[in-house]
Amino acid sequence: MLLQERYRLMKQIGKGGFCKTFLAVDEGQFSPVPCVIQELSPESETSKSFQQKAQQLEELGKHPQIPALLAYFQQNEYFYLVQEFIAGTNLAQVVEEEGAFNETQIWQLLEDVLPVFQFISDRNIIHRDIKPHNIIRRSPITKKGDLVIVDFSTAKIVTEIDRLISQTSIGSPEYAAPEQARGKAVFASDLYSLGITCIYLLTQIPPFDLFDIANDCWVWQQYLTTKVSDRLAQILDKLLQNAVNRRFQSADEVMQAMGMECKTQNFKLPNPPWRCLHTLTEHSGRLSSLNALAISPDSNTLASASDHKIVKLWDLNTKKVLASLSGHSQAVKSVAFSPDGKILATASDDKTIKLWQIETLAEICTLLGHSHAVKSVAFSPNGEILASGSWDKTIKLWDVNTGTEICTMTGHKLQVNSVAFSPQGQLLASASYDRTIRLWQIPALESSHKEFQNRPCYSLLGILSGHAWAVLTVAFSPDGKILATGSDDNTIKLWEVNTGQLICTLVGHSWSVVAVAFTADGETLLSASCDKTVKLWRVSTAEEIVTLSGHVDSVSAVAVSKVRQLIASGSRDKTIKLWQFVEQHNR
């Protein structure tokens, strides 16, 4: 079954109440991307309640231990949620394959998931189906925080009315709190379910068998093969209290009992120092889907390329359109300013590249030679050479002064998506759908390039492999020592240029990474993704600094100013957002 002409359902992996869960693939991506789709019956949702749920899930999905919501829609009366696929194993499978958990594993489980529970309840949401099947351990296991809470199909947004009236009993009976079974779920109901999850993982005994009905008490400790500490037993017993008022009231209370000081603060979303201060739209209507952005060397001008075949120049001081450059017959996919800011290069699906004089806005020339769409252009540091990457699987070098082709570089087995010169100009990197990055040695080219009549103008230095899917974007750090690559596999990789060795992999985006860029000091890396966000990473530690959220569709381009603290992001939502660094002052 194909939904929205892009999401293909592969197999059903869950069913409960009015919800079915499917493993699916997004065929809208060049290499199909796995995802999880939940089908909600119209008997359980109204259009209004579905919209509210989707908006809440978008907010929850910002937490690294909750799957991101990628899309939502209604089709044939049913409601659909498209969520991030989490590679890993749920705890029900883990305990079946590896045996009962020990005390250390339970402590680790509580440390990992309690901050997530607090994050959820802080947003007035009750999950209502916490159980081992809905907690996934990421694979491979790399660090704390690898446990992910999934399946929010039964989640409830709590309102004042909900506190007064009973709701339908929902959730898994073995793990549901008594008040939830009576249709009166509260925030502490999820904690009760967490407690039952823990005693099941410790014993591997079905929860119904761990409760003594005759004496109205839990007897889970009698089934332990290895005794646990009194401290853990006391915490679990308080989680399992039938009476709500005798139970922990919040995840924060549990963490305090465990001695986890201020843990919740680490998971609250702070006001980021980067704020969206301006959103650019066209005066005569909305911009068409944005494909590429470039900021001039003096940081006064922004160039934007769109599916509308038009390239727009914006004054970054007034936030007004300076000019519209027309001439391409198909979507424009890449723009680049020359190092002196005097020339703009534009690349298009019409197989051509155009060079424009910024001062006069006149077209200088059209570069012909590619046999397929041109997806990327980049100037050499001295501005004399232009490199172009195309879906004809080639890279071409052009003499900017004469508009002639210098040479064609071949080797990629599939389409070339991105090209970038090193700051020194001696290396060119190219990224391709063939899942590789190629590093090319480029000698010092003369404008006349007479020296290259009898020898090649490039040589292949090496091929970098490691991405699981297509490589979509590539960028050198300002000192030329690090190469950053973004991929359809949702990751960014940092490579050591001199050795070609992988430094690290940055994981955090829930969809394809389509653009990367370094700040002028080389300390921060920006990444733009189809998950609608821009992320900033600290290069030295590979840590995520902040996520910039605000676009309502895929972010397709990002550019950073060299002389002012300004970031521009362009999206399929037809807008450009300008993000400014705002100093934070303690009050």
Protein backbone atom coordinates (compact mmCIF):
# COMPACT_ATOMS: atom_id res chain seq x y z
CA MET A 1 0.00 0.00 0.00
CA LEU A 2 1.31 3.42 -1.01
CA LEU A 3 0.30 6.50 0.97
CA GLN A 4 0.62 10.08 -0.27
CA GLU A 5 2.36 8.62 -3.34
CA ARG A 6 5.56 8.17 -1.34
CA TYR A 7 5.14 6.09 1.86
CA ARG A 8 5.00 2.36 1.14
CA LEU A 9 3.78 0.09 3.94
CA MET A 10 6.03 -2.98 4.16
CA LYS A 11 4.63 -4.98 7.06
CA GLN A 12 2.44 -4.60 10.13
CA ILE A 13 4.51 -4.63 13.32
CA GLY A 14 1.89 -3.76 15.91
CA LYS A 15 -1.82 -3.51 16.61
CA GLY A 16 -3.78 -2.26 19.58
CA GLY A 17 -7.16 -0.67 20.05
CA PHE A 18 -7.83 1.66 17.15
CA CYS A 19 -4.20 1.82 15.95
CA LYS A 20 -2.11 -0.26 13.58
CA THR A 21 1.65 0.22 13.29
CA PHE A 22 3.58 -0.48 10.10
CA LEU A 23 7.20 -0.61 9.07
CA ALA A 24 7.39 1.49 5.91
CA VAL A 25 9.79 3.20 3.53
CA ASP A 26 9.70 6.71 2.18
CA GLU A 27 10.07 6.28 -1.57
CA GLY A 28 10.14 10.04 -1.96
CA GLN A 29 13.86 9.81 -1.14
CA PHE A 30 16.30 8.69 -3.87
CA SER A 31 17.33 5.77 -1.66
CA PRO A 32 14.13 4.70 0.17
CA VAL A 33 14.35 5.69 3.83
CA PRO A 34 12.79 3.44 6.50
CA CYS A 35 10.14 4.93 8.76
CA VAL A 36 7.31 3.85 11.05
CA ILE A 37 3.70 4.70 10.18
CA GLN A 38 0.80 4.52 12.61
CA GLU A 39 -2.71 4.27 11.21
CA LEU A 40 -5.36 5.70 13.54
CA SER A 41 -9.00 4.80 13.07
CA PRO A 42 -11.55 7.63 12.59
CA GLU A 43 -13.39 6.05 15.53
CA SER A 44 -10.55 7.14 17.85
CA GLU A 45 -9.75 10.57 16.46
CA THR A 46 -11.36 13.69 15.10
CA SER A 47 -9.56 15.99 12.69
CA LYS A 48 -9.11 18.51 15.50
CA SER A 49 -7.81 15.99 18.05
CA PHE A 50 -5.49 14.49 15.43
CA GLN A 51 -4.04 17.92 14.61
CA GLN A 52 -3.47 18.58 18.31
CA LYS A 53 -1.82 15.19 18.78
CA ALA A 54 0.44 15.72 15.77
CA GLN A 55 1.52 19.15 17.02
CA GLN A 56 2.35 17.69 20.42
CA LEU A 57 4.29 14.83 18.84
CA GLU A 58 6.31 17.36 16.83
CA GLU A 59 7.27 19.06 20.09
CA LEU A 60 8.04 15.74 21.82
CA GLY A 61 10.09 14.59 18.84
CA LYS A 62 12.67 17.29 19.58
CA HIS A 63 13.84 15.13 22.49
CA PRO A 64 16.65 12.78 21.41
CA GLN A 65 14.94 9.82 23.13
CA ILE A 66 11.59 10.21 21.39
CA PRO A 67 11.15 9.47 17.65
CA ALA A 68 10.77 12.55 15.50
CA LEU A 69 7.45 13.08 13.77
CA LEU A 70 8.29 13.34 10.07
CA ALA A 71 4.82 13.88 8.60
CA TYR A 72 1.13 13.51 9.35
CA PHE A 73 -1.94 13.42 7.11
CA GLN A 74 -5.44 12.05 6.59
CA GLN A 75 -6.21 9.66 3.74
CA ASN A 76 -9.33 7.59 3.06
CA GLU A 77 -10.81 8.69 6.41
CA TYR A 78 -7.85 7.24 8.36
CA PHE A 79 -5.24 9.35 10.15
CA TYR A 80 -1.53 8.64 9.66
CA LEU A 81 1.55 9.56 11.68
CA VAL A 82 4.94 9.12 9.97
CA GLN A 83 7.68 8.77 12.53
CA GLU A 84 11.42 8.24 12.66
CA PHE A 85 12.52 4.61 12.47
CA ILE A 86 14.65 3.70 15.49
CA ALA A 87 17.17 0.98 14.72
CA GLY A 88 17.38 -1.30 17.74
CA THR A 89 15.60 -3.87 19.88
CA ASN A 90 12.71 -3.35 22.26
CA LEU A 91 13.22 -4.43 25.86
CA ALA A 92 10.75 -7.31 25.56
CA GLN A 93 13.03 -8.81 22.91
CA VAL A 94 16.17 -7.93 24.86
CA VAL A 95 15.04 -9.78 27.98
CA GLU A 96 13.92 -12.75 25.89
CA GLU A 97 17.27 -13.00 24.12
CA GLU A 98 19.63 -12.00 26.96
CA GLY A 99 17.75 -13.09 30.07
CA ALA A 100 16.53 -11.22 33.13
CA PHE A 101 18.01 -7.83 33.93
CA ASN A 102 20.28 -7.37 36.93
CA GLU A 103 20.06 -4.50 39.41
CA THR A 104 22.67 -2.40 37.59
CA GLN A 105 20.67 -2.60 34.38
CA ILE A 106 17.50 -1.47 36.15
CA TRP A 107 19.29 1.52 37.69
CA GLN A 108 20.59 2.41 34.22
CA LEU A 109 17.11 2.02 32.75
CA LEU A 110 15.65 4.41 35.33
CA GLU A 111 18.45 6.94 34.83
CA ASP A 112 17.92 6.87 31.06
CA VAL A 113 14.13 7.10 30.87
CA LEU A 114 13.01 9.12 33.91
CA PRO A 115 14.19 12.47 32.40
CA VAL A 116 12.17 11.57 29.29
CA PHE A 117 9.10 10.89 31.44
CA GLN A 118 9.51 14.30 33.06
CA PHE A 119 9.90 15.92 29.63
CA ILE A 120 6.62 14.29 28.53
CA SER A 121 4.63 15.22 31.64
CA ASP A 122 5.99 18.80 31.54
CA ARG A 123 4.04 19.10 28.29
CA ASN A 124 0.81 17.81 29.87
CA ILE A 125 0.99 14.46 28.08
CA ILE A 126 0.39 10.97 29.46
CA HIS A 127 1.83 8.17 27.34
CA ARG A 128 -0.66 5.53 28.60
CA ASP A 129 1.13 2.52 27.12
CA ILE A 130 4.52 2.23 28.83
CA LYS A 131 5.73 -1.37 28.59
CA PRO A 132 8.91 -3.22 27.51
CA HIS A 133 7.70 -3.36 23.90
CA ASN A 134 7.61 0.45 23.73
CA ILE A 135 11.11 1.08 25.02
CA ILE A 136 13.75 0.51 22.35
CA ARG A 137 17.46 0.09 22.95
CA ARG A 138 19.28 1.70 20.06
CA SER A 139 21.70 -0.39 18.07
CA PRO A 140 24.63 -0.14 18.28
CA ILE A 141 24.77 0.82 21.96
CA THR A 142 27.10 3.81 22.31
CA LYS A 143 26.26 5.78 25.45
CA LYS A 144 23.73 6.59 28.10
CA GLY A 145 20.45 7.80 26.67
CA ASP A 146 20.25 5.00 24.10
CA LEU A 147 16.77 4.00 25.32
CA VAL A 148 13.98 5.50 23.23
CA ILE A 149 10.29 5.76 24.22
CA VAL A 150 8.08 4.91 21.22
CA ASP A 151 4.41 4.50 20.24
CA PHE A 152 2.53 7.61 21.30
CA SER A 153 -0.65 6.49 19.49
CA THR A 154 -2.55 6.28 22.79
CA ALA A 155 -0.95 9.38 24.31
CA LYS A 156 -3.33 11.86 25.92
CA ILE A 157 -3.02 15.63 26.16
CA VAL A 158 -4.36 16.46 29.61
CA THR A 159 -6.80 19.35 29.94
CA GLU A 160 -8.87 20.59 32.87
CA ILE A 161 -11.91 18.80 31.44
CA ASP A 162 -9.97 15.52 31.30
CA ARG A 163 -9.30 15.82 35.02
CA LEU A 164 -13.04 15.92 35.72
CA ILE A 165 -14.46 13.21 33.46
CA SER A 166 -13.62 9.58 32.88
CA GLN A 167 -12.06 8.42 29.62
CA THR A 168 -12.13 5.06 27.91
CA SER A 169 -9.79 2.50 29.45
CA ILE A 170 -6.76 2.25 27.20
CA GLY A 171 -3.28 0.72 27.19
CA SER A 172 -1.98 -2.80 27.86
CA PRO A 173 -3.91 -4.39 30.77
CA GLU A 174 -0.85 -6.07 32.31
CA TYR A 175 0.98 -2.74 32.60
CA ALA A 176 -1.91 -0.29 33.14
CA ALA A 177 -2.33 1.45 36.50
CA PRO A 178 -5.59 0.78 38.37
CA GLU A 179 -6.90 4.32 37.80
CA GLN A 180 -6.01 4.09 34.10
CA ALA A 181 -8.03 0.87 33.81
CA ARG A 182 -10.98 2.87 35.18
CA GLY A 183 -10.50 5.58 32.56
CA LYS A 184 -8.85 8.12 34.88
CA ALA A 185 -5.19 8.08 33.84
CA VAL A 186 -2.90 10.63 35.54
CA PHE A 187 0.78 11.46 35.10
CA ALA A 188 1.69 8.97 37.84
CA SER A 189 0.01 6.24 35.78
CA ASP A 190 3.00 6.14 33.46
CA LEU A 191 5.28 5.74 36.49
CA TYR A 192 3.21 2.76 37.66
CA SER A 193 3.65 1.17 34.22
CA LEU A 194 7.38 1.85 34.42
CA GLY A 195 7.51 0.07 37.78
CA ILE A 196 5.78 -3.01 36.34
CA THR A 197 8.18 -2.90 33.37
CA CYS A 198 11.12 -2.99 35.79
CA ILE A 199 9.83 -5.97 37.83
CA TYR A 200 9.07 -7.90 34.64
CA LEU A 201 12.60 -7.27 33.34
CA LEU A 202 14.02 -8.43 36.70
CA THR A 203 11.96 -11.62 36.84
CA GLN A 204 10.82 -12.51 33.31
CA ILE A 205 7.49 -13.41 34.93
CA PRO A 206 4.27 -12.04 33.39
CA PRO A 207 3.04 -9.12 35.54
CA PHE A 208 -0.33 -10.72 36.34
CA ASP A 209 1.58 -13.59 37.99
CA LEU A 210 3.59 -11.16 40.14
CA PHE A 211 0.51 -9.86 41.96
CA ASP A 212 -1.07 -11.73 44.88
CA ILE A 213 -4.80 -11.06 44.48
CA ALA A 214 -5.72 -12.72 47.79
CA ASN A 215 -3.46 -10.41 49.79
CA ASP A 216 -3.73 -7.45 47.37
CA CYS A 217 0.03 -6.95 47.05
CA TRP A 218 2.96 -7.40 44.69
CA VAL A 219 5.17 -10.43 45.37
CA TRP A 220 7.78 -9.80 42.67
CA GLN A 221 10.72 -10.14 45.06
CA GLN A 222 9.83 -13.78 45.67
CA TYR A 223 10.59 -14.54 42.02
CA LEU A 224 14.06 -12.96 41.93
CA THR A 225 16.98 -15.30 41.30
CA THR A 226 19.34 -12.64 42.68
CA LYS A 227 18.21 -10.34 45.48
CA VAL A 228 18.24 -6.59 44.81
CA SER A 229 19.22 -3.85 47.24
CA ASP A 230 16.65 -2.51 49.70
CA ARG A 231 17.01 0.92 48.12
CA LEU A 232 15.95 -0.30 44.67
CA ALA A 233 13.19 -2.44 46.16
CA GLN A 234 11.77 0.54 48.04
CA ILE A 235 11.76 2.72 44.92
CA LEU A 236 10.05 0.03 42.83
CA ASP A 237 7.50 -0.70 45.54
CA LYS A 238 6.56 2.98 45.72
CA LEU A 239 6.18 3.08 41.93
CA LEU A 240 3.80 0.11 42.23
CA GLN A 241 1.45 1.53 44.87
CA ASN A 242 -2.19 0.99 43.88
CA ALA A 243 -3.29 4.23 45.53
CA VAL A 244 -2.15 7.19 43.47
CA ASN A 245 -1.53 9.37 46.54
CA ARG A 246 0.96 6.81 47.93
CA ARG A 247 2.87 6.61 44.65
CA PHE A 248 5.60 8.87 43.27
CA GLN A 249 3.76 11.83 41.74
CA SER A 250 6.37 12.77 39.16
CA ALA A 251 9.51 11.48 37.48
CA ASP A 252 11.35 14.29 39.22
CA GLU A 253 10.38 12.79 42.61
CA VAL A 254 11.77 9.41 41.58
CA MET A 255 15.02 10.97 40.44
CA GLN A 256 15.37 12.82 43.72
CA ALA A 257 14.87 9.53 45.59
CA MET A 258 17.63 8.06 43.40
CA GLY A 259 19.97 10.99 44.08
CA MET A 260 19.85 12.25 40.49
CA GLU A 261 20.37 15.96 41.18
CA CYS A 262 19.03 18.45 38.62
CA LYS A 263 18.82 15.78 35.94
CA THR A 264 15.59 17.16 34.54
CA GLN A 265 17.20 20.50 33.71
CA ASN A 266 19.46 18.82 31.16
CA PHE A 267 16.45 17.68 29.14
CA LYS A 268 14.42 20.86 29.09
CA LEU A 269 14.62 22.76 25.84
CA PRO A 270 16.39 26.06 26.60
CA ASN A 271 15.93 29.26 24.72
CA PRO A 272 18.74 28.92 22.18
CA PRO A 273 21.20 31.78 21.77
CA TRP A 274 20.39 31.63 18.04
CA ARG A 275 17.00 33.24 17.39
CA CYS A 276 15.02 33.55 14.18
CA LEU A 277 14.66 37.31 13.89
CA HIS A 278 13.46 37.49 10.28
CA THR A 279 11.57 35.30 7.83
CA LEU A 280 11.95 36.31 4.19
CA THR A 281 9.10 35.89 1.72
CA GLU A 282 8.60 37.39 -1.69
CA HIS A 283 6.57 40.62 -1.93
CA SER A 284 4.26 39.35 -4.68
CA GLY A 285 3.65 35.99 -3.03
CA ARG A 286 5.30 33.08 -1.33
CA LEU A 287 8.70 31.97 -2.56
CA SER A 288 8.77 28.62 -4.32
CA SER A 289 10.63 25.75 -2.68
CA LEU A 290 14.15 26.90 -1.73
CA ASN A 291 17.05 24.83 -3.05
CA ALA A 292 20.23 26.78 -2.30
CA LEU A 293 21.57 29.83 -0.47
CA ALA A 294 24.83 31.78 -0.49
CA ILE A 295 25.95 34.83 1.48
CA SER A 296 28.33 37.26 -0.18
CA PRO A 297 31.87 37.62 1.26
CA ASP A 298 30.99 41.04 2.73
CA SER A 299 27.82 39.55 4.31
CA ASN A 300 25.60 42.24 2.81
CA THR A 301 23.87 40.14 0.16
CA LEU A 302 22.06 36.82 0.17
CA ALA A 303 21.45 34.81 -2.99
CA SER A 304 18.61 32.30 -3.03
CA ALA A 305 17.77 29.70 -5.66
CA SER A 306 14.41 28.07 -6.06
CA ASP A 307 12.29 25.73 -8.13
CA HIS A 308 10.80 28.84 -9.72
CA LYS A 309 13.87 29.14 -12.03
CA ILE A 310 14.58 32.54 -10.48
CA VAL A 311 17.62 33.57 -8.42
CA LYS A 312 16.91 36.35 -5.95
CA LEU A 313 19.39 38.73 -4.37
CA TRP A 314 18.45 40.06 -0.94
CA ASP A 315 19.85 43.01 0.99
CA LEU A 316 20.65 41.53 4.40
CA ASN A 317 20.57 44.96 6.01
CA THR A 318 17.08 45.94 4.86
CA LYS A 319 15.79 42.36 4.34
CA LYS A 320 14.42 43.48 0.95
CA VAL A 321 14.80 41.94 -2.52
CA LEU A 322 17.52 43.71 -4.52
CA ALA A 323 17.04 41.91 -7.82
CA SER A 324 15.70 38.82 -9.53
CA LEU A 325 17.93 37.02 -12.03
CA SER A 326 16.09 35.06 -14.71
CA GLY A 327 17.49 33.01 -17.54
CA HIS A 328 17.46 29.39 -16.46
CA SER A 329 14.69 27.24 -17.96
CA GLN A 330 14.42 24.81 -15.02
CA ALA A 331 14.88 24.79 -11.24
CA VAL A 332 18.09 26.39 -9.95
CA LYS A 333 19.88 24.03 -7.55
CA SER A 334 23.09 25.79 -6.52
CA VAL A 335 24.47 29.31 -6.11
CA ALA A 336 27.96 30.51 -5.21
CA PHE A 337 29.65 33.90 -4.90
CA SER A 338 33.20 34.35 -6.16
CA PRO A 339 35.73 35.11 -3.39
CA ASP A 340 35.76 38.82 -4.29
CA GLY A 341 31.96 38.93 -4.39
CA LYS A 342 31.85 40.29 -7.94
CA ILE A 343 30.47 37.19 -9.68
CA LEU A 344 27.59 34.86 -8.88
CA ALA A 345 27.50 31.34 -10.34
CA THR A 346 24.17 29.53 -10.66
CA ALA A 347 23.59 25.88 -11.57
CA SER A 348 20.35 24.44 -12.85
CA ASP A 349 18.46 21.30 -13.73
CA ASP A 350 18.51 22.71 -17.28
CA LYS A 351 22.10 21.31 -17.53
CA THR A 352 23.68 24.77 -17.60
CA ILE A 353 25.71 27.06 -15.36
CA LYS A 354 25.41 30.82 -15.61
CA LEU A 355 27.84 33.49 -14.41
CA TRP A 356 26.38 36.87 -13.40
CA GLN A 357 28.02 40.26 -12.81
CA ILE A 358 26.80 41.39 -9.40
CA GLU A 359 27.40 45.11 -9.99
CA THR A 360 25.39 45.29 -13.23
CA LEU A 361 23.19 42.19 -12.67
CA ALA A 362 24.03 41.23 -16.26
CA GLU A 363 24.63 37.65 -17.37
CA ILE A 364 28.29 37.18 -18.25
CA CYS A 365 28.05 33.81 -19.96
CA THR A 366 26.41 30.37 -19.94
CA LEU A 367 28.61 27.31 -19.44
CA LEU A 368 27.49 24.35 -21.54
CA GLY A 369 28.85 20.83 -21.41
CA HIS A 370 27.03 18.76 -18.82
CA SER A 371 24.55 16.21 -20.18
CA HIS A 372 22.33 16.17 -17.08
CA ALA A 373 21.18 18.46 -14.27
CA VAL A 374 23.93 20.46 -12.55
CA LYS A 375 23.48 20.23 -8.76
CA SER A 376 26.49 22.07 -7.33
CA VAL A 377 29.02 24.80 -8.14
CA ALA A 378 32.02 26.06 -6.18
CA PHE A 379 34.70 28.69 -6.85
CA SER A 380 38.37 28.05 -6.18
CA PRO A 381 39.88 30.32 -3.48
CA ASN A 382 41.48 32.58 -6.08
CA GLY A 383 38.21 32.81 -8.02
CA GLU A 384 39.77 31.75 -11.32
CA ILE A 385 38.32 28.25 -11.46
CA LEU A 386 34.74 27.05 -11.08
CA ALA A 387 33.93 23.41 -10.30
CA SER A 388 30.53 21.89 -11.10
CA GLY A 389 28.99 18.58 -10.11
CA SER A 390 26.27 16.99 -12.19
CA TRP A 391 23.87 14.09 -12.33
CA ASP A 392 25.76 13.01 -15.45
CA LYS A 393 28.21 11.52 -12.87
CA THR A 394 30.98 13.99 -13.73
CA ILE A 395 32.71 17.03 -12.28
CA LYS A 396 33.87 19.76 -14.62
CA LEU A 397 36.43 22.52 -14.07
CA TRP A 398 35.83 25.82 -15.87
CA ASP A 399 38.01 28.85 -16.54
CA VAL A 400 36.01 31.73 -15.05
CA ASN A 401 37.78 34.41 -17.12
CA THR A 402 37.14 32.79 -20.49
CA GLY A 403 34.06 30.67 -19.75
CA THR A 404 35.72 27.61 -21.27
CA GLU A 405 35.86 24.08 -19.95
CA ILE A 406 39.26 23.01 -18.61
CA CYS A 407 38.60 19.34 -18.02
CA THR A 408 36.07 16.67 -17.03
CA MET A 409 36.67 14.49 -13.98
CA THR A 410 35.13 11.03 -14.07
CA GLY A 411 35.01 8.12 -11.65
CA HIS A 412 31.79 8.37 -9.67
CA LYS A 413 29.39 5.52 -10.47
CA LEU A 414 26.26 7.56 -9.78
CA GLN A 415 25.10 11.19 -9.72
CA VAL A 416 27.34 13.87 -8.21
CA ASN A 417 25.48 15.98 -5.65
CA SER A 418 28.05 18.38 -4.23
CA VAL A 419 31.53 19.79 -4.82
CA ALA A 420 33.81 21.91 -2.63
CA PHE A 421 37.32 23.34 -2.92
CA SER A 422 39.70 23.24 0.02
CA PRO A 423 40.67 26.70 1.36
CA GLN A 424 44.11 26.30 -0.19
CA GLY A 425 42.58 25.38 -3.55
CA GLN A 426 44.71 22.29 -4.08
CA LEU A 427 41.97 19.80 -3.28
CA LEU A 428 38.45 19.31 -4.56
CA ALA A 429 35.94 17.06 -2.81
CA SER A 430 32.92 15.56 -4.56
CA ALA A 431 29.95 13.73 -3.02
CA SER A 432 27.82 11.22 -4.87
CA TYR A 433 24.80 8.95 -4.77
CA ASP A 434 27.30 6.09 -5.04
CA ARG A 435 27.79 6.60 -1.24
CA THR A 436 31.38 7.81 -1.64
CA ILE A 437 33.35 11.05 -1.44
CA ARG A 438 36.25 11.51 -3.82
CA LEU A 439 39.24 13.74 -3.12
CA TRP A 440 40.94 15.19 -6.19
CA GLN A 441 44.33 16.88 -6.40
CA ILE A 442 44.07 20.12 -8.41
CA PRO A 443 47.39 21.70 -9.50
CA ALA A 444 47.75 25.49 -9.60
CA LEU A 445 45.74 26.26 -12.73
CA GLU A 446 46.66 29.21 -14.92
CA SER A 447 43.90 31.14 -16.62
CA SER A 448 45.13 30.13 -20.04
CA HIS A 449 45.69 26.54 -18.77
CA LYS A 450 48.29 26.06 -21.54
CA GLU A 451 50.40 23.99 -19.15
CA PHE A 452 47.71 21.32 -19.13
CA GLN A 453 47.63 20.59 -22.82
CA ASN A 454 50.00 17.66 -22.36
CA ARG A 455 49.05 16.46 -18.83
CA PRO A 456 45.85 15.97 -16.83
CA CYS A 457 44.57 18.82 -14.71
CA TYR A 458 43.69 16.57 -11.80
CA SER A 459 44.50 13.31 -10.07
CA LEU A 460 42.43 11.16 -7.72
CA LEU A 461 43.89 11.22 -4.23
CA GLY A 462 41.46 8.87 -2.54
CA ILE A 463 37.92 7.62 -2.04
CA LEU A 464 36.18 8.00 1.34
CA SER A 465 33.60 5.33 2.13
CA GLY A 466 31.45 4.87 5.19
CA HIS A 467 28.04 6.38 4.61
CA ALA A 468 25.22 3.83 4.32
CA TRP A 469 23.32 5.81 1.68
CA ALA A 470 23.83 8.63 -0.79
CA VAL A 471 26.23 11.43 0.18
CA LEU A 472 24.43 14.71 -0.46
CA THR A 473 26.74 17.47 0.71
CA VAL A 474 30.38 18.20 1.48
CA ALA A 475 32.36 21.09 3.04
CA PHE A 476 35.97 21.79 4.12
CA SER A 477 36.81 23.43 7.43
CA PRO A 478 38.44 26.89 7.11
CA ASP A 479 41.91 25.44 7.85
CA GLY A 480 41.38 22.64 5.32
CA LYS A 481 42.13 19.89 7.84
CA ILE A 482 38.60 18.49 8.23
CA LEU A 483 36.03 17.46 5.65
CA ALA A 484 32.36 17.30 6.66
CA THR A 485 29.89 15.17 4.71
CA GLY A 486 26.11 14.80 5.05
CA SER A 487 24.09 11.85 3.86
CA ASP A 488 20.73 10.27 3.19
CA ASP A 489 21.59 7.98 6.12
CA ASN A 490 20.73 10.91 8.47
CA THR A 491 24.34 11.32 9.66
CA ILE A 492 27.23 13.73 9.28
CA LYS A 493 30.76 12.40 9.14
CA LEU A 494 33.95 14.32 9.86
CA TRP A 495 37.08 13.14 8.04
CA GLU A 496 40.76 13.95 8.50
CA VAL A 497 41.76 15.34 5.12
CA ASN A 498 45.47 14.42 5.24
CA THR A 499 44.89 10.75 6.06
CA GLY A 500 41.34 10.16 4.85
CA GLN A 501 40.53 8.64 8.25
CA LEU A 502 37.08 9.01 9.78
CA ILE A 503 37.20 11.25 12.86
CA CYS A 504 33.63 10.73 14.07
CA THR A 505 30.00 10.40 13.06
CA LEU A 506 27.47 12.99 14.22
CA VAL A 507 24.09 11.44 14.97
CA GLY A 508 21.01 13.48 15.80
CA HIS A 509 19.03 14.24 12.67
CA SER A 510 16.03 12.03 11.97
CA TRP A 511 16.10 12.50 8.20
CA SER A 512 18.53 13.16 5.37
CA VAL A 513 21.28 15.74 5.90
CA VAL A 514 21.26 17.87 2.76
CA ALA A 515 23.66 20.72 3.56
CA VAL A 516 26.66 21.36 5.82
CA ALA A 517 28.73 24.49 6.43
CA PHE A 518 31.47 25.58 8.84
CA THR A 519 31.52 28.90 10.67
CA ALA A 520 34.42 31.21 9.81
CA ASP A 521 36.40 30.21 12.92
CA GLY A 522 35.96 26.51 12.14
CA GLU A 523 34.71 25.79 15.65
CA THR A 524 31.10 25.13 14.70
CA LEU A 525 29.49 23.02 11.99
CA LEU A 526 25.98 23.68 10.69
CA SER A 527 23.80 20.94 9.22
CA ALA A 528 20.45 21.23 7.44
CA SER A 529 18.07 18.31 7.22
CA CYS A 530 14.80 17.08 5.77
CA ASP A 531 13.69 16.70 9.40
CA LYS A 532 12.88 20.46 9.23
CA THR A 533 15.76 21.52 11.47
CA VAL A 534 19.23 23.06 11.40
CA LYS A 535 21.68 21.74 13.97
CA LEU A 536 24.87 23.35 15.26
CA TRP A 537 27.72 21.07 16.34
CA ARG A 538 30.89 21.77 18.30
CA VAL A 539 33.61 20.42 16.02
CA SER A 540 36.22 19.80 18.74
CA THR A 541 33.96 17.55 20.83
CA ALA A 542 31.39 16.38 18.22
CA GLU A 543 28.64 17.58 20.58
CA GLU A 544 25.34 19.00 19.43
CA ILE A 545 25.11 22.62 20.59
CA VAL A 546 21.57 23.54 19.61
CA THR A 547 18.75 22.68 17.21
CA LEU A 548 17.12 25.51 15.25
CA SER A 549 13.45 24.69 14.71
CA GLY A 550 10.85 26.78 12.95
CA HIS A 551 10.53 25.58 9.38
CA VAL A 552 7.42 23.51 8.67
CA ASP A 553 8.96 21.48 5.86
CA SER A 554 12.38 20.09 4.90
CA VAL A 555 15.31 22.47 5.29
CA SER A 556 17.10 22.33 1.97
CA ALA A 557 19.91 24.86 2.34
CA VAL A 558 22.00 26.66 4.93
CA ALA A 559 24.55 29.46 4.70
CA VAL A 560 26.63 31.23 7.33
CA SER A 561 28.05 34.75 7.31
CA LYS A 562 31.82 35.11 7.48
CA VAL A 563 31.86 38.53 9.16
CA ARG A 564 28.72 38.64 11.31
CA GLN A 565 26.90 36.13 13.52
CA LEU A 566 24.18 35.29 11.03
CA ILE A 567 22.79 32.02 9.66
CA ALA A 568 20.37 31.71 6.74
CA SER A 569 18.25 28.60 6.20
CA GLY A 570 16.03 27.85 3.23
CA SER A 571 13.22 25.34 3.14
CA ARG A 572 10.66 23.58 1.03
CA ASP A 573 8.14 25.58 3.06
CA LYS A 574 9.05 28.41 0.67
CA THR A 575 10.67 30.64 3.26
CA ILE A 576 14.14 31.80 4.24
CA LYS A 577 14.84 32.25 7.94
CA LEU A 578 17.61 34.49 9.26
CA TRP A 579 19.02 33.38 12.61
CA GLN A 580 20.99 35.87 14.70
CA PHE A 581 23.17 35.09 17.71
CA VAL A 582 21.62 36.74 20.76
CA GLU A 583 23.77 37.21 23.84
CA GLN A 584 22.38 35.54 26.96
CA HIS A 585 22.63 37.53 30.19
CA ASN A 586 21.95 36.18 33.63
CA ARG A 587 19.43 38.17 35.62
